[in-house]
Amino acid sequence: MRWRDVKQHKITHKEEIQEKKPALPYASYGDKIKAFITDTFLLSLPIFYVVIYLVFGNREGFQNDMLLGWFYILGPLGIVIVLFYFLSGQTPGMKAYEIKVIDNKTGEKPSLLLAILRFFFFNIVLFSFIGLFFSFLREDRRGIHDLFSGTSVIKSTK
């Protein structure tokens, strides 16, 4: 962009800004929450059931060693979700609501490292309640876990 083109009104300053930063169709809060709830039922609950009743035997056994129980739950859940992010960029809940996770630099599905980082940071934010409402302060609706991992959740175009 040359200054003389702007000065001679061949190109306006607003056009210059729009050329530099294409707008992504970021997913709405409602779609992200609905996809999270769907994934909780489709992915998490079967793992909860297996860990509580097959590994520990009953609910009281799980309560006696809850830290180990959460490790047994979050380990397989993390592997499943990271594989969904890495292979297709979508979990089943995200696919149902037509949203997907992308790498901000490439615009494609995230790499394995970014998928792992996103899952790790999401759980830190979720379980510590730090930054749950951070995305409401941003125009692009990205949470702290998306900022740290370099990802975004957008509407998928089929």
N, C-alpha and C. Protein backbone atom coordinates (compact mmCIF):
# COMPACT_ATOMS: atom_id res chain seq x y z
N MET A 1 0.85 -1.16 0.00
CA MET A 1 0.00 0.00 0.00
C MET A 1 0.90 1.23 0.00
N ARG A 2 0.70 2.07 -0.96
CA ARG A 2 1.52 3.28 -1.05
C ARG A 2 0.75 4.48 -0.53
N TRP A 3 1.47 5.36 0.10
CA TRP A 3 0.85 6.54 0.69
C TRP A 3 0.23 7.43 -0.37
N ARG A 4 0.89 7.56 -1.52
CA ARG A 4 0.36 8.46 -2.56
C ARG A 4 -0.97 7.95 -3.10
N ASP A 5 -1.18 6.61 -3.13
CA ASP A 5 -2.48 6.08 -3.57
C ASP A 5 -3.58 6.47 -2.59
N VAL A 6 -3.27 6.44 -1.32
CA VAL A 6 -4.25 6.84 -0.32
C VAL A 6 -4.47 8.35 -0.39
N LYS A 7 -3.39 9.10 -0.54
CA LYS A 7 -3.46 10.56 -0.60
C LYS A 7 -4.28 11.02 -1.80
N GLN A 8 -4.16 10.35 -2.94
CA GLN A 8 -4.91 10.73 -4.14
C GLN A 8 -6.28 10.07 -4.19
N HIS A 9 -6.69 9.45 -3.10
CA HIS A 9 -8.01 8.83 -2.94
C HIS A 9 -8.26 7.69 -3.93
N LYS A 10 -7.19 7.04 -4.37
CA LYS A 10 -7.37 5.84 -5.20
C LYS A 10 -7.77 4.66 -4.31
N ILE A 11 -7.24 4.66 -3.10
CA ILE A 11 -7.57 3.63 -2.11
C ILE A 11 -7.78 4.34 -0.79
N THR A 12 -8.85 4.00 -0.12
CA THR A 12 -9.11 4.62 1.18
C THR A 12 -8.40 3.84 2.28
N HIS A 13 -8.26 4.48 3.41
CA HIS A 13 -7.59 3.86 4.54
C HIS A 13 -8.41 2.67 5.05
N LYS A 14 -9.74 2.74 4.97
CA LYS A 14 -10.59 1.64 5.42
C LYS A 14 -10.38 0.40 4.55
N GLU A 15 -10.21 0.58 3.25
CA GLU A 15 -9.96 -0.55 2.37
C GLU A 15 -8.63 -1.22 2.70
N GLU A 16 -7.65 -0.40 3.07
CA GLU A 16 -6.34 -0.92 3.43
C GLU A 16 -6.44 -1.81 4.66
N ILE A 17 -7.20 -1.39 5.65
CA ILE A 17 -7.35 -2.18 6.86
C ILE A 17 -8.08 -3.48 6.56
N GLN A 18 -9.12 -3.43 5.73
CA GLN A 18 -9.87 -4.63 5.40
C GLN A 18 -9.04 -5.62 4.59
N GLU A 19 -8.12 -5.13 3.77
CA GLU A 19 -7.26 -6.02 2.99
C GLU A 19 -6.29 -6.77 3.88
N LYS A 20 -5.82 -6.15 4.94
CA LYS A 20 -4.81 -6.76 5.80
C LYS A 20 -5.38 -7.87 6.66
N LYS A 21 -6.60 -7.71 7.17
CA LYS A 21 -7.13 -8.64 8.13
C LYS A 21 -8.49 -9.20 7.67
N PRO A 22 -8.48 -10.40 7.07
CA PRO A 22 -9.76 -10.97 6.68
C PRO A 22 -10.53 -11.44 7.92
N ALA A 23 -11.82 -11.20 7.91
CA ALA A 23 -12.64 -11.58 9.05
C ALA A 23 -12.98 -13.06 8.97
N LEU A 24 -12.75 -13.75 10.08
CA LEU A 24 -13.11 -15.16 10.16
C LEU A 24 -14.52 -15.27 10.73
N PRO A 25 -15.26 -16.28 10.31
CA PRO A 25 -16.61 -16.47 10.88
C PRO A 25 -16.52 -17.20 12.22
N TYR A 26 -16.21 -16.45 13.28
CA TYR A 26 -16.04 -17.06 14.59
C TYR A 26 -17.35 -17.66 15.08
N ALA A 27 -17.24 -18.77 15.80
CA ALA A 27 -18.41 -19.47 16.31
C ALA A 27 -19.05 -18.67 17.44
N SER A 28 -20.35 -18.79 17.56
CA SER A 28 -21.07 -18.08 18.62
C SER A 28 -20.89 -18.81 19.94
N TYR A 29 -21.16 -18.08 21.02
CA TYR A 29 -21.07 -18.68 22.36
C TYR A 29 -22.05 -19.84 22.50
N GLY A 30 -23.24 -19.65 21.98
CA GLY A 30 -24.26 -20.68 22.08
C GLY A 30 -23.84 -21.98 21.41
N ASP A 31 -23.28 -21.88 20.21
CA ASP A 31 -22.82 -23.07 19.50
C ASP A 31 -21.69 -23.77 20.25
N LYS A 32 -20.78 -22.99 20.81
CA LYS A 32 -19.67 -23.59 21.56
C LYS A 32 -20.16 -24.29 22.82
N ILE A 33 -21.11 -23.69 23.52
CA ILE A 33 -21.64 -24.30 24.75
C ILE A 33 -22.43 -25.56 24.42
N LYS A 34 -23.26 -25.49 23.37
CA LYS A 34 -24.03 -26.67 22.98
C LYS A 34 -23.12 -27.81 22.52
N ALA A 35 -22.06 -27.49 21.80
CA ALA A 35 -21.11 -28.52 21.37
C ALA A 35 -20.39 -29.13 22.57
N PHE A 36 -20.06 -28.31 23.56
CA PHE A 36 -19.41 -28.81 24.77
C PHE A 36 -20.33 -29.77 25.53
N ILE A 37 -21.59 -29.41 25.66
CA ILE A 37 -22.55 -30.27 26.36
C ILE A 37 -22.75 -31.57 25.60
N THR A 38 -22.85 -31.49 24.29
CA THR A 38 -22.99 -32.70 23.47
C THR A 38 -21.78 -33.61 23.63
N ASP A 39 -20.58 -33.03 23.59
CA ASP A 39 -19.36 -33.83 23.77
C ASP A 39 -19.29 -34.43 25.16
N THR A 40 -19.80 -33.72 26.15
CA THR A 40 -19.81 -34.26 27.51
C THR A 40 -20.60 -35.56 27.56
N PHE A 41 -21.76 -35.56 26.92
CA PHE A 41 -22.59 -36.77 26.93
C PHE A 41 -22.05 -37.85 26.01
N LEU A 42 -21.54 -37.49 24.85
CA LEU A 42 -21.09 -38.49 23.90
C LEU A 42 -19.72 -39.08 24.22
N LEU A 43 -18.82 -38.27 24.73
CA LEU A 43 -17.45 -38.72 24.96
C LEU A 43 -17.13 -38.96 26.43
N SER A 44 -17.53 -38.06 27.30
CA SER A 44 -17.12 -38.12 28.70
C SER A 44 -17.90 -39.15 29.51
N LEU A 45 -19.19 -39.19 29.35
CA LEU A 45 -20.00 -40.08 30.20
C LEU A 45 -19.65 -41.57 30.03
N PRO A 46 -19.39 -42.06 28.82
CA PRO A 46 -18.97 -43.47 28.74
C PRO A 46 -17.65 -43.73 29.48
N ILE A 47 -16.73 -42.77 29.41
CA ILE A 47 -15.46 -42.92 30.13
C ILE A 47 -15.71 -42.86 31.63
N PHE A 48 -16.58 -41.94 32.10
CA PHE A 48 -16.93 -41.88 33.52
C PHE A 48 -17.47 -43.23 33.99
N TYR A 49 -18.39 -43.78 33.22
CA TYR A 49 -19.02 -45.05 33.60
C TYR A 49 -17.98 -46.16 33.71
N VAL A 50 -17.11 -46.28 32.73
CA VAL A 50 -16.08 -47.33 32.73
C VAL A 50 -15.16 -47.16 33.93
N VAL A 51 -14.72 -45.94 34.20
CA VAL A 51 -13.80 -45.73 35.31
C VAL A 51 -14.47 -45.99 36.65
N ILE A 52 -15.65 -45.45 36.85
CA ILE A 52 -16.31 -45.58 38.16
C ILE A 52 -16.74 -47.01 38.43
N TYR A 53 -17.36 -47.67 37.47
CA TYR A 53 -17.95 -48.98 37.75
C TYR A 53 -17.08 -50.17 37.36
N LEU A 54 -16.24 -50.03 36.35
CA LEU A 54 -15.39 -51.16 35.97
C LEU A 54 -14.00 -51.10 36.59
N VAL A 55 -13.45 -49.91 36.72
CA VAL A 55 -12.11 -49.79 37.30
C VAL A 55 -12.18 -49.77 38.82
N PHE A 56 -13.04 -48.91 39.39
CA PHE A 56 -13.11 -48.79 40.84
C PHE A 56 -14.17 -49.70 41.48
N GLY A 57 -15.05 -50.25 40.71
CA GLY A 57 -16.04 -51.16 41.25
C GLY A 57 -17.34 -50.51 41.63
N ASN A 58 -17.30 -49.33 42.22
CA ASN A 58 -18.52 -48.60 42.59
C ASN A 58 -18.19 -47.14 42.87
N ARG A 59 -19.21 -46.39 43.18
CA ARG A 59 -19.06 -44.95 43.40
C ARG A 59 -18.20 -44.66 44.63
N GLU A 60 -18.33 -45.47 45.67
CA GLU A 60 -17.56 -45.25 46.89
C GLU A 60 -16.06 -45.47 46.65
N GLY A 61 -15.74 -46.45 45.81
CA GLY A 61 -14.34 -46.68 45.46
C GLY A 61 -13.74 -45.49 44.72
N PHE A 62 -14.53 -44.89 43.87
CA PHE A 62 -14.08 -43.69 43.15
C PHE A 62 -13.88 -42.53 44.13
N GLN A 63 -14.80 -42.38 45.08
CA GLN A 63 -14.70 -41.29 46.06
C GLN A 63 -13.49 -41.45 46.96
N ASN A 64 -13.08 -42.68 47.24
CA ASN A 64 -11.93 -42.90 48.11
C ASN A 64 -10.62 -42.45 47.47
N ASP A 65 -10.51 -42.57 46.17
CA ASP A 65 -9.29 -42.16 45.47
C ASP A 65 -9.67 -41.31 44.26
N MET A 66 -10.21 -40.14 44.53
CA MET A 66 -10.77 -39.29 43.48
C MET A 66 -9.69 -38.72 42.55
N LEU A 67 -8.52 -38.40 43.07
CA LEU A 67 -7.45 -37.85 42.23
C LEU A 67 -7.03 -38.85 41.16
N LEU A 68 -6.85 -40.09 41.57
CA LEU A 68 -6.50 -41.14 40.60
C LEU A 68 -7.66 -41.36 39.62
N GLY A 69 -8.89 -41.28 40.12
CA GLY A 69 -10.05 -41.44 39.26
C GLY A 69 -10.12 -40.38 38.18
N TRP A 70 -9.85 -39.13 38.54
CA TRP A 70 -9.85 -38.05 37.54
C TRP A 70 -8.72 -38.23 36.54
N PHE A 71 -7.61 -38.76 37.00
CA PHE A 71 -6.51 -39.05 36.08
C PHE A 71 -6.94 -40.11 35.08
N TYR A 72 -7.63 -41.15 35.57
CA TYR A 72 -8.12 -42.20 34.69
C TYR A 72 -9.19 -41.69 33.71
N ILE A 73 -9.92 -40.67 34.11
CA ILE A 73 -10.95 -40.11 33.24
C ILE A 73 -10.34 -39.15 32.22
N LEU A 74 -9.52 -38.21 32.70
CA LEU A 74 -8.98 -37.18 31.81
C LEU A 74 -7.93 -37.72 30.83
N GLY A 75 -7.25 -38.79 31.18
CA GLY A 75 -6.25 -39.38 30.28
C GLY A 75 -6.88 -39.86 28.97
N PRO A 76 -7.79 -40.83 29.05
CA PRO A 76 -8.43 -41.30 27.80
C PRO A 76 -9.26 -40.22 27.11
N LEU A 77 -9.94 -39.38 27.89
CA LEU A 77 -10.72 -38.30 27.29
C LEU A 77 -9.82 -37.35 26.51
N GLY A 78 -8.68 -37.03 27.09
CA GLY A 78 -7.72 -36.17 26.40
C GLY A 78 -7.22 -36.78 25.11
N ILE A 79 -6.92 -38.06 25.14
CA ILE A 79 -6.45 -38.74 23.93
C ILE A 79 -7.51 -38.70 22.84
N VAL A 80 -8.76 -38.97 23.22
CA VAL A 80 -9.86 -39.00 22.24
C VAL A 80 -10.08 -37.60 21.65
N ILE A 81 -10.16 -36.59 22.50
CA ILE A 81 -10.43 -35.23 22.02
C ILE A 81 -9.27 -34.70 21.18
N VAL A 82 -8.04 -34.93 21.61
CA VAL A 82 -6.88 -34.48 20.84
C VAL A 82 -6.85 -35.16 19.47
N LEU A 83 -7.19 -36.44 19.42
CA LEU A 83 -7.24 -37.12 18.13
C LEU A 83 -8.32 -36.54 17.22
N PHE A 84 -9.49 -36.21 17.79
CA PHE A 84 -10.52 -35.57 16.99
C PHE A 84 -10.04 -34.22 16.46
N TYR A 85 -9.42 -33.40 17.31
CA TYR A 85 -8.90 -32.10 16.86
C TYR A 85 -7.86 -32.29 15.76
N PHE A 86 -6.95 -33.23 15.96
CA PHE A 86 -5.85 -33.43 15.03
C PHE A 86 -6.31 -34.01 13.70
N LEU A 87 -7.21 -34.99 13.75
CA LEU A 87 -7.62 -35.68 12.51
C LEU A 87 -8.62 -34.89 11.69
N SER A 88 -9.60 -34.25 12.36
CA SER A 88 -10.63 -33.56 11.58
C SER A 88 -10.87 -32.11 12.00
N GLY A 89 -10.32 -31.69 13.14
CA GLY A 89 -10.56 -30.33 13.61
C GLY A 89 -11.89 -30.19 14.33
N GLN A 90 -12.63 -31.30 14.50
CA GLN A 90 -13.95 -31.26 15.11
C GLN A 90 -14.16 -32.47 16.00
N THR A 91 -14.81 -32.22 17.13
CA THR A 91 -15.33 -33.31 17.95
C THR A 91 -16.74 -33.61 17.44
N PRO A 92 -17.38 -34.68 17.89
CA PRO A 92 -18.75 -34.95 17.43
C PRO A 92 -19.72 -33.80 17.74
N GLY A 93 -19.58 -33.17 18.89
CA GLY A 93 -20.45 -32.03 19.22
C GLY A 93 -20.21 -30.85 18.31
N MET A 94 -18.95 -30.59 17.98
CA MET A 94 -18.63 -29.49 17.07
C MET A 94 -19.16 -29.78 15.67
N LYS A 95 -19.10 -31.04 15.27
CA LYS A 95 -19.62 -31.39 13.95
C LYS A 95 -21.13 -31.19 13.90
N ALA A 96 -21.82 -31.52 14.99
CA ALA A 96 -23.27 -31.37 15.04
C ALA A 96 -23.69 -29.91 14.91
N TYR A 97 -22.89 -28.99 15.43
CA TYR A 97 -23.23 -27.56 15.38
C TYR A 97 -22.40 -26.80 14.35
N GLU A 98 -21.72 -27.54 13.48
CA GLU A 98 -20.98 -26.99 12.33
C GLU A 98 -19.95 -25.94 12.74
N ILE A 99 -19.13 -26.28 13.73
CA ILE A 99 -18.00 -25.45 14.12
C ILE A 99 -16.75 -26.32 14.12
N LYS A 100 -15.59 -25.69 14.03
CA LYS A 100 -14.35 -26.44 14.04
C LYS A 100 -13.22 -25.62 14.63
N VAL A 101 -12.18 -26.30 15.04
CA VAL A 101 -10.99 -25.67 15.60
C VAL A 101 -9.97 -25.53 14.48
N ILE A 102 -9.37 -24.35 14.40
CA ILE A 102 -8.33 -24.12 13.38
C ILE A 102 -7.08 -23.55 14.03
N ASP A 103 -5.97 -23.72 13.35
CA ASP A 103 -4.72 -23.08 13.71
C ASP A 103 -4.78 -21.65 13.17
N ASN A 104 -4.48 -20.66 14.01
CA ASN A 104 -4.57 -19.27 13.57
C ASN A 104 -3.58 -18.92 12.47
N LYS A 105 -2.42 -19.53 12.48
CA LYS A 105 -1.40 -19.18 11.49
C LYS A 105 -1.73 -19.75 10.11
N THR A 106 -2.23 -20.98 10.06
CA THR A 106 -2.45 -21.61 8.76
C THR A 106 -3.91 -21.60 8.32
N GLY A 107 -4.83 -21.49 9.27
CA GLY A 107 -6.25 -21.56 8.93
C GLY A 107 -6.74 -22.97 8.70
N GLU A 108 -5.89 -23.95 8.93
CA GLU A 108 -6.24 -25.37 8.76
C GLU A 108 -6.46 -26.01 10.13
N LYS A 109 -6.76 -27.30 10.14
CA LYS A 109 -6.92 -28.00 11.41
C LYS A 109 -5.61 -27.94 12.19
N PRO A 110 -5.67 -27.96 13.52
CA PRO A 110 -4.46 -27.78 14.32
C PRO A 110 -3.52 -28.98 14.24
N SER A 111 -2.25 -28.69 14.49
CA SER A 111 -1.26 -29.76 14.56
C SER A 111 -1.46 -30.53 15.86
N LEU A 112 -0.74 -31.62 15.99
CA LEU A 112 -0.87 -32.45 17.19
C LEU A 112 -0.47 -31.67 18.43
N LEU A 113 0.60 -30.90 18.35
CA LEU A 113 1.04 -30.10 19.50
C LEU A 113 -0.01 -29.06 19.89
N LEU A 114 -0.57 -28.37 18.92
CA LEU A 114 -1.60 -27.37 19.23
C LEU A 114 -2.85 -28.02 19.80
N ALA A 115 -3.22 -29.19 19.31
CA ALA A 115 -4.39 -29.89 19.85
C ALA A 115 -4.15 -30.29 21.30
N ILE A 116 -2.95 -30.76 21.62
CA ILE A 116 -2.62 -31.11 23.00
C ILE A 116 -2.63 -29.88 23.88
N LEU A 117 -2.03 -28.79 23.41
CA LEU A 117 -2.00 -27.55 24.19
C LEU A 117 -3.40 -27.01 24.42
N ARG A 118 -4.24 -27.06 23.41
CA ARG A 118 -5.61 -26.56 23.57
C ARG A 118 -6.36 -27.37 24.61
N PHE A 119 -6.26 -28.68 24.59
CA PHE A 119 -6.94 -29.51 25.59
C PHE A 119 -6.39 -29.23 26.98
N PHE A 120 -5.07 -29.13 27.10
CA PHE A 120 -4.43 -28.88 28.39
C PHE A 120 -4.87 -27.53 28.97
N PHE A 121 -4.78 -26.47 28.16
CA PHE A 121 -5.15 -25.14 28.65
C PHE A 121 -6.66 -25.03 28.92
N PHE A 122 -7.48 -25.71 28.13
CA PHE A 122 -8.92 -25.67 28.36
C PHE A 122 -9.25 -26.27 29.72
N ASN A 123 -8.61 -27.39 30.07
CA ASN A 123 -8.88 -28.00 31.37
C ASN A 123 -8.38 -27.14 32.51
N ILE A 124 -7.26 -26.46 32.34
CA ILE A 124 -6.78 -25.56 33.39
C ILE A 124 -7.79 -24.43 33.59
N VAL A 125 -8.26 -23.84 32.51
CA VAL A 125 -9.24 -22.75 32.61
C VAL A 125 -10.55 -23.26 33.19
N LEU A 126 -11.01 -24.42 32.76
CA LEU A 126 -12.28 -24.96 33.22
C LEU A 126 -12.25 -25.31 34.71
N PHE A 127 -11.21 -25.99 35.15
CA PHE A 127 -11.17 -26.46 36.53
C PHE A 127 -10.72 -25.39 37.52
N SER A 128 -10.05 -24.35 37.06
CA SER A 128 -9.60 -23.31 37.99
C SER A 128 -10.49 -22.08 37.95
N PHE A 129 -11.44 -22.03 37.03
CA PHE A 129 -12.36 -20.91 36.85
C PHE A 129 -11.65 -19.60 36.50
N ILE A 130 -10.37 -19.69 36.14
CA ILE A 130 -9.63 -18.49 35.72
C ILE A 130 -9.93 -18.26 34.25
N GLY A 131 -10.45 -17.12 33.93
CA GLY A 131 -10.65 -16.75 32.55
C GLY A 131 -11.85 -17.37 31.86
N LEU A 132 -12.81 -17.90 32.60
CA LEU A 132 -13.99 -18.45 31.94
C LEU A 132 -14.76 -17.39 31.16
N PHE A 133 -14.74 -16.17 31.65
CA PHE A 133 -15.50 -15.09 31.01
C PHE A 133 -14.61 -14.15 30.20
N PHE A 134 -13.36 -14.55 30.00
CA PHE A 134 -12.42 -13.72 29.25
C PHE A 134 -12.87 -13.51 27.81
N SER A 135 -13.47 -14.52 27.21
CA SER A 135 -13.87 -14.41 25.81
C SER A 135 -14.97 -13.38 25.60
N PHE A 136 -15.73 -13.05 26.65
CA PHE A 136 -16.78 -12.03 26.52
C PHE A 136 -16.18 -10.63 26.35
N LEU A 137 -14.91 -10.47 26.70
CA LEU A 137 -14.24 -9.18 26.56
C LEU A 137 -13.60 -9.00 25.19
N ARG A 138 -13.56 -10.04 24.40
CA ARG A 138 -12.89 -9.99 23.10
C ARG A 138 -13.90 -10.01 21.96
N GLU A 139 -13.58 -9.29 20.91
CA GLU A 139 -14.45 -9.22 19.75
C GLU A 139 -14.47 -10.54 18.99
N ASP A 140 -13.34 -11.25 18.96
CA ASP A 140 -13.26 -12.50 18.22
C ASP A 140 -13.70 -13.72 19.02
N ARG A 141 -14.15 -13.54 20.25
CA ARG A 141 -14.70 -14.58 21.12
C ARG A 141 -13.72 -15.69 21.45
N ARG A 142 -12.43 -15.42 21.39
CA ARG A 142 -11.43 -16.43 21.73
C ARG A 142 -11.17 -16.42 23.23
N GLY A 143 -11.11 -17.60 23.82
CA GLY A 143 -10.83 -17.74 25.24
C GLY A 143 -9.34 -17.74 25.50
N ILE A 144 -8.98 -17.77 26.78
CA ILE A 144 -7.56 -17.79 27.14
C ILE A 144 -6.89 -19.05 26.58
N HIS A 145 -7.59 -20.18 26.64
CA HIS A 145 -7.00 -21.42 26.12
C HIS A 145 -6.74 -21.33 24.62
N ASP A 146 -7.58 -20.61 23.88
CA ASP A 146 -7.34 -20.41 22.45
C ASP A 146 -6.17 -19.47 22.21
N LEU A 147 -6.04 -18.44 23.03
CA LEU A 147 -4.92 -17.51 22.88
C LEU A 147 -3.59 -18.20 23.16
N PHE A 148 -3.54 -18.98 24.24
CA PHE A 148 -2.30 -19.67 24.60
C PHE A 148 -1.91 -20.74 23.59
N SER A 149 -2.90 -21.42 23.02
CA SER A 149 -2.58 -22.50 22.09
C SER A 149 -2.52 -22.04 20.63
N GLY A 150 -2.95 -20.81 20.34
CA GLY A 150 -2.89 -20.31 18.97
C GLY A 150 -3.97 -20.89 18.08
N THR A 151 -5.14 -21.15 18.65
CA THR A 151 -6.24 -21.73 17.88
C THR A 151 -7.46 -20.82 17.94
N SER A 152 -8.43 -21.09 17.10
CA SER A 152 -9.73 -20.40 17.11
C SER A 152 -10.81 -21.41 16.78
N VAL A 153 -12.02 -21.10 17.23
CA VAL A 153 -13.19 -21.91 16.90
C VAL A 153 -14.04 -21.09 15.94
N ILE A 154 -14.23 -21.62 14.73
CA ILE A 154 -14.97 -20.89 13.70
C ILE A 154 -16.13 -21.74 13.19
N LYS A 155 -17.05 -21.08 12.49
CA LYS A 155 -18.12 -21.79 11.79
C LYS A 155 -17.47 -22.54 10.62
N SER A 156 -17.80 -23.80 10.48
CA SER A 156 -17.20 -24.58 9.39
C SER A 156 -17.99 -24.38 8.12
N THR A 157 -17.28 -24.30 7.04
CA THR A 157 -17.90 -24.19 5.72
C THR A 157 -17.77 -25.54 5.05
N LYS A 158 -18.88 -26.10 4.66
CA LYS A 158 -18.84 -27.45 4.09
C LYS A 158 -18.46 -27.41 2.69
